[in-house]
Amino acid sequence: MARTPERGLSIHFIDGTCLKVAFPLQEDNYKRMLMVEEVLKKRALLIEAEGGIRCIPFENIKFINIYPVAAAEVGGLGLITSAQISE
């Protein structure tokens, strides 16, 4: 049986806590681009998991790590590529 590639988010909140979310690859590239645009417009992240929906307002988020991601998948966002981050 073929394994579905996993994707994930690490959502870091202003209060210092972190929420990790794992999910299978969302197949349709066009739908993913529309989803990113919609999330940015609504300023909230909606996650369906474990039979419910979690709504996370951007005002509570410090930053989000999304992995893995290829630059080609989010090319229309003005993405800085090949960066290194240090804290």
N, C-alpha and C. Protein backbone atom coordinates (compact mmCIF):
# COMPACT_ATOMS: atom_id res chain seq x y z
N MET A 1 0.84 -1.18 0.00
CA MET A 1 0.00 0.00 0.00
C MET A 1 0.89 1.24 0.00
N ALA A 2 0.60 2.20 -0.89
CA ALA A 2 1.40 3.42 -0.99
C ALA A 2 1.12 4.33 0.20
N ARG A 3 2.18 4.92 0.70
CA ARG A 3 2.05 5.85 1.82
C ARG A 3 1.74 7.24 1.32
N THR A 4 0.80 7.92 1.98
CA THR A 4 0.47 9.30 1.63
C THR A 4 1.50 10.21 2.28
N PRO A 5 2.15 11.09 1.51
CA PRO A 5 3.14 11.99 2.11
C PRO A 5 2.49 12.91 3.15
N GLU A 6 3.13 13.01 4.30
CA GLU A 6 2.59 13.86 5.36
C GLU A 6 3.10 15.29 5.21
N ARG A 7 2.28 16.20 5.59
CA ARG A 7 2.59 17.62 5.64
C ARG A 7 2.34 18.07 7.06
N GLY A 8 2.81 19.24 7.41
CA GLY A 8 2.56 19.70 8.76
C GLY A 8 2.69 21.19 8.93
N LEU A 9 2.17 21.64 10.06
CA LEU A 9 2.27 23.03 10.50
C LEU A 9 2.75 23.03 11.94
N SER A 10 3.59 23.99 12.27
CA SER A 10 3.88 24.31 13.66
C SER A 10 3.40 25.74 13.84
N ILE A 11 2.36 25.90 14.64
CA ILE A 11 1.78 27.22 14.87
C ILE A 11 2.29 27.73 16.21
N HIS A 12 3.05 28.80 16.18
CA HIS A 12 3.63 29.39 17.39
C HIS A 12 2.78 30.59 17.79
N PHE A 13 2.28 30.54 19.02
CA PHE A 13 1.37 31.57 19.49
C PHE A 13 2.10 32.66 20.27
N ILE A 14 1.47 33.79 20.38
CA ILE A 14 2.03 34.94 21.09
C ILE A 14 2.34 34.60 22.54
N ASP A 15 1.54 33.71 23.17
CA ASP A 15 1.76 33.36 24.58
C ASP A 15 2.89 32.36 24.79
N GLY A 16 3.58 31.96 23.69
CA GLY A 16 4.73 31.05 23.80
C GLY A 16 4.39 29.60 23.57
N THR A 17 3.13 29.24 23.45
CA THR A 17 2.76 27.85 23.21
C THR A 17 2.87 27.53 21.72
N CYS A 18 2.86 26.23 21.41
CA CYS A 18 2.97 25.79 20.02
C CYS A 18 2.00 24.65 19.78
N LEU A 19 1.34 24.67 18.64
CA LEU A 19 0.43 23.61 18.22
C LEU A 19 1.00 22.99 16.95
N LYS A 20 1.18 21.67 16.96
CA LYS A 20 1.68 20.96 15.78
C LYS A 20 0.51 20.23 15.12
N VAL A 21 0.40 20.39 13.81
CA VAL A 21 -0.69 19.79 13.04
C VAL A 21 -0.08 18.97 11.91
N ALA A 22 -0.44 17.70 11.81
CA ALA A 22 0.00 16.84 10.71
C ALA A 22 -1.20 16.52 9.84
N PHE A 23 -0.98 16.48 8.53
CA PHE A 23 -2.08 16.21 7.60
C PHE A 23 -1.51 15.63 6.32
N PRO A 24 -2.33 14.88 5.56
CA PRO A 24 -1.85 14.33 4.29
C PRO A 24 -1.74 15.43 3.24
N LEU A 25 -0.99 15.15 2.20
CA LEU A 25 -0.83 16.07 1.08
C LEU A 25 -2.20 16.44 0.54
N GLN A 26 -2.45 17.74 0.39
CA GLN A 26 -3.68 18.24 -0.20
C GLN A 26 -3.41 18.33 -1.70
N GLU A 27 -3.94 17.40 -2.47
CA GLU A 27 -3.52 17.13 -3.84
C GLU A 27 -3.62 18.28 -4.84
N ASP A 28 -4.66 19.05 -4.83
CA ASP A 28 -4.92 20.01 -5.88
C ASP A 28 -4.16 21.32 -5.65
N ASN A 29 -3.12 21.59 -6.48
CA ASN A 29 -2.31 22.81 -6.33
C ASN A 29 -3.14 24.08 -6.43
N TYR A 30 -4.09 24.13 -7.36
CA TYR A 30 -4.91 25.32 -7.53
C TYR A 30 -5.75 25.58 -6.28
N LYS A 31 -6.35 24.52 -5.74
CA LYS A 31 -7.15 24.66 -4.52
C LYS A 31 -6.28 25.15 -3.36
N ARG A 32 -5.04 24.66 -3.29
CA ARG A 32 -4.13 25.10 -2.21
C ARG A 32 -3.84 26.58 -2.33
N MET A 33 -3.61 27.08 -3.53
CA MET A 33 -3.35 28.51 -3.73
C MET A 33 -4.58 29.33 -3.32
N LEU A 34 -5.78 28.88 -3.70
CA LEU A 34 -7.00 29.58 -3.30
C LEU A 34 -7.16 29.56 -1.79
N MET A 35 -6.82 28.44 -1.17
CA MET A 35 -6.93 28.33 0.28
C MET A 35 -6.01 29.33 0.97
N VAL A 36 -4.78 29.45 0.51
CA VAL A 36 -3.83 30.40 1.09
C VAL A 36 -4.37 31.82 0.96
N GLU A 37 -4.87 32.17 -0.21
CA GLU A 37 -5.44 33.51 -0.41
C GLU A 37 -6.62 33.75 0.52
N GLU A 38 -7.48 32.75 0.68
CA GLU A 38 -8.66 32.88 1.55
C GLU A 38 -8.26 33.03 3.01
N VAL A 39 -7.28 32.26 3.45
CA VAL A 39 -6.79 32.35 4.83
C VAL A 39 -6.24 33.75 5.09
N LEU A 40 -5.48 34.28 4.15
CA LEU A 40 -4.91 35.62 4.33
C LEU A 40 -5.99 36.69 4.37
N LYS A 41 -7.05 36.53 3.58
CA LYS A 41 -8.15 37.49 3.58
C LYS A 41 -8.94 37.45 4.88
N LYS A 42 -9.25 36.26 5.35
CA LYS A 42 -10.09 36.10 6.54
C LYS A 42 -9.32 36.29 7.84
N ARG A 43 -7.98 36.23 7.77
CA ARG A 43 -7.12 36.41 8.94
C ARG A 43 -7.41 35.38 10.03
N ALA A 44 -7.75 34.18 9.59
CA ALA A 44 -7.97 33.07 10.51
C ALA A 44 -7.62 31.77 9.80
N LEU A 45 -7.07 30.85 10.56
CA LEU A 45 -6.72 29.53 10.03
C LEU A 45 -7.79 28.56 10.50
N LEU A 46 -8.42 27.84 9.58
CA LEU A 46 -9.44 26.85 9.91
C LEU A 46 -8.85 25.46 9.67
N ILE A 47 -8.91 24.62 10.69
CA ILE A 47 -8.36 23.27 10.60
C ILE A 47 -9.44 22.27 10.99
N GLU A 48 -9.74 21.33 10.08
CA GLU A 48 -10.67 20.24 10.39
C GLU A 48 -9.84 19.08 10.90
N ALA A 49 -10.14 18.64 12.12
CA ALA A 49 -9.39 17.53 12.72
C ALA A 49 -10.24 16.84 13.76
N GLU A 50 -10.13 15.53 13.82
CA GLU A 50 -10.75 14.74 14.87
C GLU A 50 -12.24 15.03 15.03
N GLY A 51 -12.92 15.24 13.90
CA GLY A 51 -14.36 15.42 13.92
C GLY A 51 -14.84 16.83 14.21
N GLY A 52 -13.94 17.79 14.28
CA GLY A 52 -14.34 19.16 14.55
C GLY A 52 -13.53 20.15 13.75
N ILE A 53 -13.87 21.42 13.87
CA ILE A 53 -13.14 22.49 13.19
C ILE A 53 -12.56 23.42 14.24
N ARG A 54 -11.28 23.72 14.11
CA ARG A 54 -10.62 24.66 15.00
C ARG A 54 -10.36 25.94 14.22
N CYS A 55 -10.77 27.06 14.77
CA CYS A 55 -10.55 28.37 14.15
C CYS A 55 -9.50 29.10 14.98
N ILE A 56 -8.41 29.48 14.32
CA ILE A 56 -7.31 30.16 15.01
C ILE A 56 -7.13 31.53 14.39
N PRO A 57 -7.50 32.60 15.11
CA PRO A 57 -7.34 33.96 14.57
C PRO A 57 -5.87 34.35 14.48
N PHE A 58 -5.51 35.06 13.43
CA PHE A 58 -4.13 35.49 13.24
C PHE A 58 -3.61 36.35 14.39
N GLU A 59 -4.50 37.07 15.05
CA GLU A 59 -4.08 37.95 16.13
C GLU A 59 -3.42 37.18 17.27
N ASN A 60 -3.67 35.86 17.39
CA ASN A 60 -3.06 35.04 18.43
C ASN A 60 -1.79 34.34 17.96
N ILE A 61 -1.44 34.48 16.68
CA ILE A 61 -0.31 33.74 16.11
C ILE A 61 0.91 34.65 15.98
N LYS A 62 2.05 34.14 16.47
CA LYS A 62 3.33 34.85 16.29
C LYS A 62 3.89 34.50 14.91
N PHE A 63 3.99 33.19 14.61
CA PHE A 63 4.41 32.75 13.27
C PHE A 63 4.00 31.30 13.06
N ILE A 64 4.02 30.87 11.78
CA ILE A 64 3.66 29.51 11.40
C ILE A 64 4.78 28.93 10.55
N ASN A 65 5.22 27.72 10.88
CA ASN A 65 6.13 26.97 10.02
C ASN A 65 5.29 25.96 9.25
N ILE A 66 5.48 25.92 7.94
CA ILE A 66 4.76 24.98 7.08
C ILE A 66 5.81 24.10 6.41
N TYR A 67 5.61 22.78 6.48
CA TYR A 67 6.63 21.88 5.95
C TYR A 67 6.02 20.60 5.42
N PRO A 68 6.72 19.90 4.54
CA PRO A 68 7.69 20.50 3.62
C PRO A 68 6.95 21.32 2.58
N VAL A 69 7.64 22.22 1.94
CA VAL A 69 7.01 23.03 0.90
C VAL A 69 8.04 23.30 -0.19
N ALA A 70 7.59 23.28 -1.43
CA ALA A 70 8.44 23.62 -2.56
C ALA A 70 8.07 25.02 -3.02
N ALA A 71 9.05 25.79 -3.41
CA ALA A 71 8.80 27.17 -3.86
C ALA A 71 7.77 27.21 -4.99
N ALA A 72 7.77 26.19 -5.84
CA ALA A 72 6.83 26.15 -6.96
C ALA A 72 5.38 26.07 -6.49
N GLU A 73 5.15 25.51 -5.29
CA GLU A 73 3.79 25.37 -4.78
C GLU A 73 3.19 26.69 -4.34
N VAL A 74 4.02 27.65 -3.97
CA VAL A 74 3.52 28.93 -3.44
C VAL A 74 4.15 30.10 -4.18
N GLY A 75 4.52 29.88 -5.42
CA GLY A 75 5.23 30.88 -6.21
C GLY A 75 4.53 32.22 -6.33
N GLY A 76 3.21 32.25 -6.31
CA GLY A 76 2.48 33.49 -6.47
C GLY A 76 2.43 34.36 -5.23
N LEU A 77 3.07 33.94 -4.14
CA LEU A 77 2.97 34.69 -2.89
C LEU A 77 4.13 35.65 -2.65
N GLY A 78 5.07 35.77 -3.58
CA GLY A 78 6.22 36.63 -3.35
C GLY A 78 7.13 36.02 -2.29
N LEU A 79 7.34 34.74 -2.37
CA LEU A 79 8.09 33.96 -1.38
C LEU A 79 9.59 34.22 -1.47
N ILE A 80 10.24 34.45 -0.32
CA ILE A 80 11.69 34.49 -0.25
C ILE A 80 12.15 33.03 -0.19
N THR A 81 13.03 32.64 -1.10
CA THR A 81 13.46 31.23 -1.16
C THR A 81 14.89 31.07 -0.67
N SER A 82 15.22 29.83 -0.30
CA SER A 82 16.56 29.43 0.15
C SER A 82 17.08 30.25 1.33
N ALA A 83 16.19 30.67 2.19
CA ALA A 83 16.57 31.48 3.36
C ALA A 83 17.07 30.60 4.49
N GLN A 84 17.83 31.19 5.41
CA GLN A 84 18.23 30.56 6.65
C GLN A 84 17.77 31.47 7.78
N ILE A 85 17.19 30.87 8.81
CA ILE A 85 16.64 31.63 9.92
C ILE A 85 17.40 31.29 11.18
N SER A 86 17.75 32.29 11.96
CA SER A 86 18.36 32.04 13.27
C SER A 86 17.65 32.91 14.29
N GLU A 87 17.50 32.37 15.48
CA GLU A 87 16.81 33.10 16.55
C GLU A 87 17.71 33.26 17.73
